[in-house]
Amino acid sequence: MYTKAIYPGTFDPVTNGHIDIIKRACRIFDKIIVAVADNKDKNTMFDLQKRVELMKKATRNLEKVEVAS
């Protein structure tokens, strides 16, 4: 059975804790979709495009991970 998980968040900025959760999920699921959210109620440090870029860079060595917004 093929399993997927979605990990949503603003990830502003991405932290070692976020990466730890993603790595743990990679041991359980076949695919992890990291959904970078745009929350208008939060004053984010980085815009959505930059946060997606940073998450892609942070997870580039994790084959099971797909980053989306």
PDB file of N, CA and C in Angstrom:
ATOM      1  N   MET A   1       0.834  -1.171   0.000  1.00  0.00           N
ATOM      2  CA  MET A   1       0.000   0.000   0.000  1.00  0.00           C
ATOM      3  C   MET A   1       0.889   1.249   0.000  1.00  0.00           C
ATOM      4  N   TYR A   2       0.598   2.185  -0.861  1.00  0.00           N
ATOM      5  CA  TYR A   2       1.333   3.444  -0.995  1.00  0.00           C
ATOM      6  C   TYR A   2       0.739   4.456  -0.023  1.00  0.00           C
ATOM      7  N   THR A   3       1.591   5.063   0.798  1.00  0.00           N
ATOM      8  CA  THR A   3       1.099   6.010   1.795  1.00  0.00           C
ATOM      9  C   THR A   3       1.687   7.395   1.575  1.00  0.00           C
ATOM     10  N   LYS A   4       0.855   8.410   1.809  1.00  0.00           N
ATOM     11  CA  LYS A   4       1.268   9.811   1.690  1.00  0.00           C
ATOM     12  C   LYS A   4       0.896  10.551   2.956  1.00  0.00           C
ATOM     13  N   ALA A   5       1.676  11.606   3.225  1.00  0.00           N
ATOM     14  CA  ALA A   5       1.353  12.484   4.348  1.00  0.00           C
ATOM     15  C   ALA A   5       1.508  13.921   3.892  1.00  0.00           C
ATOM     16  N   ILE A   6       0.724  14.793   4.483  1.00  0.00           N
ATOM     17  CA  ILE A   6       0.838  16.230   4.206  1.00  0.00           C
ATOM     18  C   ILE A   6       1.252  16.907   5.507  1.00  0.00           C
ATOM     19  N   TYR A   7       2.291  17.721   5.414  1.00  0.00           N
ATOM     20  CA  TYR A   7       2.785  18.472   6.568  1.00  0.00           C
ATOM     21  C   TYR A   7       2.614  19.954   6.258  1.00  0.00           C
ATOM     22  N   PRO A   8       1.523  20.571   6.724  1.00  0.00           N
ATOM     23  CA  PRO A   8       1.284  21.979   6.442  1.00  0.00           C
ATOM     24  C   PRO A   8       1.902  22.891   7.504  1.00  0.00           C
ATOM     25  N   GLY A   9       2.248  24.099   7.087  1.00  0.00           N
ATOM     26  CA  GLY A   9       2.748  25.096   8.021  1.00  0.00           C
ATOM     27  C   GLY A   9       3.233  26.324   7.283  1.00  0.00           C
ATOM     28  N   THR A  10       3.511  27.371   8.038  1.00  0.00           N
ATOM     29  CA  THR A  10       4.047  28.578   7.402  1.00  0.00           C
ATOM     30  C   THR A  10       5.563  28.482   7.237  1.00  0.00           C
ATOM     31  N   PHE A  11       6.216  27.729   8.118  1.00  0.00           N
ATOM     32  CA  PHE A  11       7.666  27.491   8.025  1.00  0.00           C
ATOM     33  C   PHE A  11       8.436  28.799   7.848  1.00  0.00           C
ATOM     34  N   ASP A  12       8.226  29.698   8.779  1.00  0.00           N
ATOM     35  CA  ASP A  12       8.823  31.036   8.686  1.00  0.00           C
ATOM     36  C   ASP A  12       9.702  31.341   9.889  1.00  0.00           C
ATOM     37  N   PRO A  13      10.943  30.979   9.830  1.00  0.00           N
ATOM     38  CA  PRO A  13      11.666  30.227   8.801  1.00  0.00           C
ATOM     39  C   PRO A  13      11.618  28.730   9.097  1.00  0.00           C
ATOM     40  N   VAL A  14      12.090  27.941   8.161  1.00  0.00           N
ATOM     41  CA  VAL A  14      12.218  26.499   8.378  1.00  0.00           C
ATOM     42  C   VAL A  14      13.276  26.291   9.465  1.00  0.00           C
ATOM     43  N   THR A  15      12.990  25.362  10.374  1.00  0.00           N
ATOM     44  CA  THR A  15      13.900  25.115  11.497  1.00  0.00           C
ATOM     45  C   THR A  15      14.387  23.667  11.487  1.00  0.00           C
ATOM     46  N   ASN A  16      15.375  23.388  12.327  1.00  0.00           N
ATOM     47  CA  ASN A  16      15.854  22.009  12.478  1.00  0.00           C
ATOM     48  C   ASN A  16      14.735  21.106  12.988  1.00  0.00           C
ATOM     49  N   GLY A  17      13.835  21.651  13.801  1.00  0.00           N
ATOM     50  CA  GLY A  17      12.694  20.880  14.279  1.00  0.00           C
ATOM     51  C   GLY A  17      11.768  20.456  13.149  1.00  0.00           C
ATOM     52  N   HIS A  18      11.519  21.365  12.203  1.00  0.00           N
ATOM     53  CA  HIS A  18      10.703  21.015  11.033  1.00  0.00           C
ATOM     54  C   HIS A  18      11.371  19.894  10.239  1.00  0.00           C
ATOM     55  N   ILE A  19      12.666  20.026  10.012  1.00  0.00           N
ATOM     56  CA  ILE A  19      13.397  19.017   9.233  1.00  0.00           C
ATOM     57  C   ILE A  19      13.397  17.681   9.961  1.00  0.00           C
ATOM     58  N   ASP A  20      13.522  17.684  11.282  1.00  0.00           N
ATOM     59  CA  ASP A  20      13.489  16.448  12.062  1.00  0.00           C
ATOM     60  C   ASP A  20      12.152  15.735  11.875  1.00  0.00           C
ATOM     61  N   ILE A  21      11.053  16.476  11.929  1.00  0.00           N
ATOM     62  CA  ILE A  21       9.727  15.881  11.733  1.00  0.00           C
ATOM     63  C   ILE A  21       9.609  15.297  10.324  1.00  0.00           C
ATOM     64  N   ILE A  22      10.110  16.014   9.333  1.00  0.00           N
ATOM     65  CA  ILE A  22      10.052  15.536   7.944  1.00  0.00           C
ATOM     66  C   ILE A  22      10.867  14.254   7.788  1.00  0.00           C
ATOM     67  N   LYS A  23      12.060  14.212   8.363  1.00  0.00           N
ATOM     68  CA  LYS A  23      12.899  13.004   8.275  1.00  0.00           C
ATOM     69  C   LYS A  23      12.231  11.816   8.959  1.00  0.00           C
ATOM     70  N   ARG A  24      11.603  12.055  10.092  1.00  0.00           N
ATOM     71  CA  ARG A  24      10.889  10.976  10.788  1.00  0.00           C
ATOM     72  C   ARG A  24       9.723  10.472   9.943  1.00  0.00           C
ATOM     73  N   ALA A  25       9.014  11.401   9.317  1.00  0.00           N
ATOM     74  CA  ALA A  25       7.885  11.023   8.465  1.00  0.00           C
ATOM     75  C   ALA A  25       8.351  10.208   7.264  1.00  0.00           C
ATOM     76  N   CYS A  26       9.542  10.501   6.761  1.00  0.00           N
ATOM     77  CA  CYS A  26      10.079   9.754   5.615  1.00  0.00           C
ATOM     78  C   CYS A  26      10.294   8.280   5.948  1.00  0.00           C
ATOM     79  N   ARG A  27      10.483   7.966   7.220  1.00  0.00           N
ATOM     80  CA  ARG A  27      10.650   6.564   7.631  1.00  0.00           C
ATOM     81  C   ARG A  27       9.313   5.837   7.692  1.00  0.00           C
ATOM     82  N   ILE A  28       8.221   6.594   7.738  1.00  0.00           N
ATOM     83  CA  ILE A  28       6.887   5.994   7.897  1.00  0.00           C
ATOM     84  C   ILE A  28       6.104   5.987   6.593  1.00  0.00           C
ATOM     85  N   PHE A  29       6.206   7.075   5.821  1.00  0.00           N
ATOM     86  CA  PHE A  29       5.386   7.244   4.627  1.00  0.00           C
ATOM     87  C   PHE A  29       6.213   7.139   3.347  1.00  0.00           C
ATOM     88  N   ASP A  30       5.526   6.810   2.249  1.00  0.00           N
ATOM     89  CA  ASP A  30       6.180   6.721   0.949  1.00  0.00           C
ATOM     90  C   ASP A  30       6.425   8.090   0.342  1.00  0.00           C
ATOM     91  N   LYS A  31       5.581   9.055   0.653  1.00  0.00           N
ATOM     92  CA  LYS A  31       5.717  10.413   0.116  1.00  0.00           C
ATOM     93  C   LYS A  31       5.244  11.411   1.166  1.00  0.00           C
ATOM     94  N   ILE A  32       5.991  12.515   1.289  1.00  0.00           N
ATOM     95  CA  ILE A  32       5.634  13.589   2.197  1.00  0.00           C
ATOM     96  C   ILE A  32       5.449  14.853   1.367  1.00  0.00           C
ATOM     97  N   ILE A  33       4.301  15.463   1.475  1.00  0.00           N
ATOM     98  CA  ILE A  33       4.060  16.740   0.816  1.00  0.00           C
ATOM     99  C   ILE A  33       4.149  17.819   1.889  1.00  0.00           C
ATOM    100  N   VAL A  34       5.135  18.685   1.762  1.00  0.00           N
ATOM    101  CA  VAL A  34       5.286  19.806   2.683  1.00  0.00           C
ATOM    102  C   VAL A  34       4.543  20.976   2.056  1.00  0.00           C
ATOM    103  N   ALA A  35       3.453  21.378   2.684  1.00  0.00           N
ATOM    104  CA  ALA A  35       2.595  22.436   2.157  1.00  0.00           C
ATOM    105  C   ALA A  35       2.912  23.742   2.884  1.00  0.00           C
ATOM    106  N   VAL A  36       3.625  24.626   2.207  1.00  0.00           N
ATOM    107  CA  VAL A  36       3.993  25.911   2.776  1.00  0.00           C
ATOM    108  C   VAL A  36       2.799  26.853   2.621  1.00  0.00           C
ATOM    109  N   ALA A  37       2.284  27.313   3.752  1.00  0.00           N
ATOM    110  CA  ALA A  37       1.045  28.098   3.762  1.00  0.00           C
ATOM    111  C   ALA A  37       1.326  29.602   3.760  1.00  0.00           C
ATOM    112  N   ASP A  38       0.382  30.328   3.224  1.00  0.00           N
ATOM    113  CA  ASP A  38       0.420  31.791   3.241  1.00  0.00           C
ATOM    114  C   ASP A  38      -0.700  32.253   4.163  1.00  0.00           C
ATOM    115  N   ASN A  39      -0.345  32.692   5.363  1.00  0.00           N
ATOM    116  CA  ASN A  39      -1.320  33.125   6.343  1.00  0.00           C
ATOM    117  C   ASN A  39      -1.286  34.647   6.432  1.00  0.00           C
ATOM    118  N   LYS A  40      -2.319  35.289   5.930  1.00  0.00           N
ATOM    119  CA  LYS A  40      -2.383  36.758   5.911  1.00  0.00           C
ATOM    120  C   LYS A  40      -2.459  37.366   7.309  1.00  0.00           C
ATOM    121  N   ASP A  41      -2.841  36.541   8.311  1.00  0.00           N
ATOM    122  CA  ASP A  41      -2.942  37.035   9.681  1.00  0.00           C
ATOM    123  C   ASP A  41      -1.597  37.058  10.407  1.00  0.00           C
ATOM    124  N   LYS A  42      -0.575  36.465   9.793  1.00  0.00           N
ATOM    125  CA  LYS A  42       0.747  36.446  10.406  1.00  0.00           C
ATOM    126  C   LYS A  42       1.672  37.427   9.687  1.00  0.00           C
ATOM    127  N   ASN A  43       2.506  38.078  10.450  1.00  0.00           N
ATOM    128  CA  ASN A  43       3.558  38.919   9.865  1.00  0.00           C
ATOM    129  C   ASN A  43       4.788  38.046   9.679  1.00  0.00           C
ATOM    130  N   THR A  44       4.946  37.509   8.486  1.00  0.00           N
ATOM    131  CA  THR A  44       6.042  36.587   8.232  1.00  0.00           C
ATOM    132  C   THR A  44       7.334  37.328   7.913  1.00  0.00           C
ATOM    133  N   MET A  45       8.439  36.687   8.241  1.00  0.00           N
ATOM    134  CA  MET A  45       9.750  37.244   7.976  1.00  0.00           C
ATOM    135  C   MET A  45      10.062  37.179   6.465  1.00  0.00           C
ATOM    136  N   PHE A  46       9.635  36.072   5.835  1.00  0.00           N
ATOM    137  CA  PHE A  46       9.892  35.855   4.413  1.00  0.00           C
ATOM    138  C   PHE A  46       8.572  35.728   3.660  1.00  0.00           C
ATOM    139  N   ASP A  47       8.571  36.135   2.382  1.00  0.00           N
ATOM    140  CA  ASP A  47       7.360  35.959   1.583  1.00  0.00           C
ATOM    141  C   ASP A  47       7.216  34.487   1.209  1.00  0.00           C
ATOM    142  N   LEU A  48       6.049  34.121   0.679  1.00  0.00           N
ATOM    143  CA  LEU A  48       5.737  32.727   0.378  1.00  0.00           C
ATOM    144  C   LEU A  48       6.750  32.108  -0.569  1.00  0.00           C
ATOM    145  N   GLN A  49       7.097  32.790  -1.622  1.00  0.00           N
ATOM    146  CA  GLN A  49       8.034  32.252  -2.610  1.00  0.00           C
ATOM    147  C   GLN A  49       9.383  31.931  -1.969  1.00  0.00           C
ATOM    148  N   LYS A  50       9.869  32.798  -1.107  1.00  0.00           N
ATOM    149  CA  LYS A  50      11.161  32.588  -0.447  1.00  0.00           C
ATOM    150  C   LYS A  50      11.088  31.411   0.521  1.00  0.00           C
ATOM    151  N   ARG A  51       9.965  31.277   1.246  1.00  0.00           N
ATOM    152  CA  ARG A  51       9.813  30.163   2.182  1.00  0.00           C
ATOM    153  C   ARG A  51       9.765  28.828   1.447  1.00  0.00           C
ATOM    154  N   VAL A  52       9.105  28.794   0.288  1.00  0.00           N
ATOM    155  CA  VAL A  52       9.087  27.579  -0.527  1.00  0.00           C
ATOM    156  C   VAL A  52      10.505  27.259  -0.989  1.00  0.00           C
ATOM    157  N   GLU A  53      11.212  28.260  -1.458  1.00  0.00           N
ATOM    158  CA  GLU A  53      12.593  28.083  -1.914  1.00  0.00           C
ATOM    159  C   GLU A  53      13.481  27.554  -0.781  1.00  0.00           C
ATOM    160  N   LEU A  54      13.352  28.125   0.412  1.00  0.00           N
ATOM    161  CA  LEU A  54      14.160  27.682   1.550  1.00  0.00           C
ATOM    162  C   LEU A  54      13.829  26.241   1.946  1.00  0.00           C
ATOM    163  N   MET A  55      12.538  25.882   1.904  1.00  0.00           N
ATOM    164  CA  MET A  55      12.147  24.516   2.249  1.00  0.00           C
ATOM    165  C   MET A  55      12.663  23.524   1.210  1.00  0.00           C
ATOM    166  N   LYS A  56      12.591  23.891  -0.064  1.00  0.00           N
ATOM    167  CA  LYS A  56      13.119  23.004  -1.113  1.00  0.00           C
ATOM    168  C   LYS A  56      14.616  22.785  -0.922  1.00  0.00           C
ATOM    169  N   LYS A  57      15.315  23.835  -0.579  1.00  0.00           N
ATOM    170  CA  LYS A  57      16.760  23.725  -0.360  1.00  0.00           C
ATOM    171  C   LYS A  57      17.052  22.846   0.864  1.00  0.00           C
ATOM    172  N   ALA A  58      16.272  23.012   1.917  1.00  0.00           N
ATOM    173  CA  ALA A  58      16.488  22.255   3.148  1.00  0.00           C
ATOM    174  C   ALA A  58      16.162  20.774   2.996  1.00  0.00           C
ATOM    175  N   THR A  59      15.291  20.426   2.043  1.00  0.00           N
ATOM    176  CA  THR A  59      14.867  19.034   1.865  1.00  0.00           C
ATOM    177  C   THR A  59      15.383  18.420   0.561  1.00  0.00           C
ATOM    178  N   ARG A  60      16.314  19.072  -0.080  1.00  0.00           N
ATOM    179  CA  ARG A  60      16.773  18.616  -1.403  1.00  0.00           C
ATOM    180  C   ARG A  60      17.340  17.196  -1.394  1.00  0.00           C
ATOM    181  N   ASN A  61      17.839  16.712  -0.276  1.00  0.00           N
ATOM    182  CA  ASN A  61      18.422  15.378  -0.213  1.00  0.00           C
ATOM    183  C   ASN A  61      17.410  14.314   0.226  1.00  0.00           C
ATOM    184  N   LEU A  62      16.178  14.700   0.438  1.00  0.00           N
ATOM    185  CA  LEU A  62      15.140  13.769   0.871  1.00  0.00           C
ATOM    186  C   LEU A  62      14.247  13.450  -0.324  1.00  0.00           C
ATOM    187  N   GLU A  63      14.463  12.298  -0.911  1.00  0.00           N
ATOM    188  CA  GLU A  63      13.785  11.925  -2.157  1.00  0.00           C
ATOM    189  C   GLU A  63      12.278  11.818  -2.033  1.00  0.00           C
ATOM    190  N   LYS A  64      11.785  11.503  -0.875  1.00  0.00           N
ATOM    191  CA  LYS A  64      10.340  11.304  -0.680  1.00  0.00           C
ATOM    192  C   LYS A  64       9.559  12.607  -0.511  1.00  0.00           C
ATOM    193  N   VAL A  65      10.270  13.734  -0.441  1.00  0.00           N
ATOM    194  CA  VAL A  65       9.624  14.999  -0.095  1.00  0.00           C
ATOM    195  C   VAL A  65       9.312  15.824  -1.341  1.00  0.00           C
ATOM    196  N   GLU A  66       8.088  16.354  -1.364  1.00  0.00           N
ATOM    197  CA  GLU A  66       7.656  17.311  -2.381  1.00  0.00           C
ATOM    198  C   GLU A  66       7.216  18.570  -1.640  1.00  0.00           C
ATOM    199  N   VAL A  67       7.688  19.719  -2.089  1.00  0.00           N
ATOM    200  CA  VAL A  67       7.325  20.987  -1.461  1.00  0.00           C
ATOM    201  C   VAL A  67       6.354  21.727  -2.375  1.00  0.00           C
ATOM    202  N   ALA A  68       5.264  22.194  -1.796  1.00  0.00           N
ATOM    203  CA  ALA A  68       4.241  22.913  -2.554  1.00  0.00           C
ATOM    204  C   ALA A  68       3.738  24.085  -1.724  1.00  0.00           C
ATOM    205  N   SER A  69       3.076  25.023  -2.391  1.00  0.00           N
ATOM    206  CA  SER A  69       2.464  26.143  -1.661  1.00  0.00           C
ATOM    207  C   SER A  69       0.972  26.122  -1.862  1.00  0.00           C
TER     208      SER A  69
END
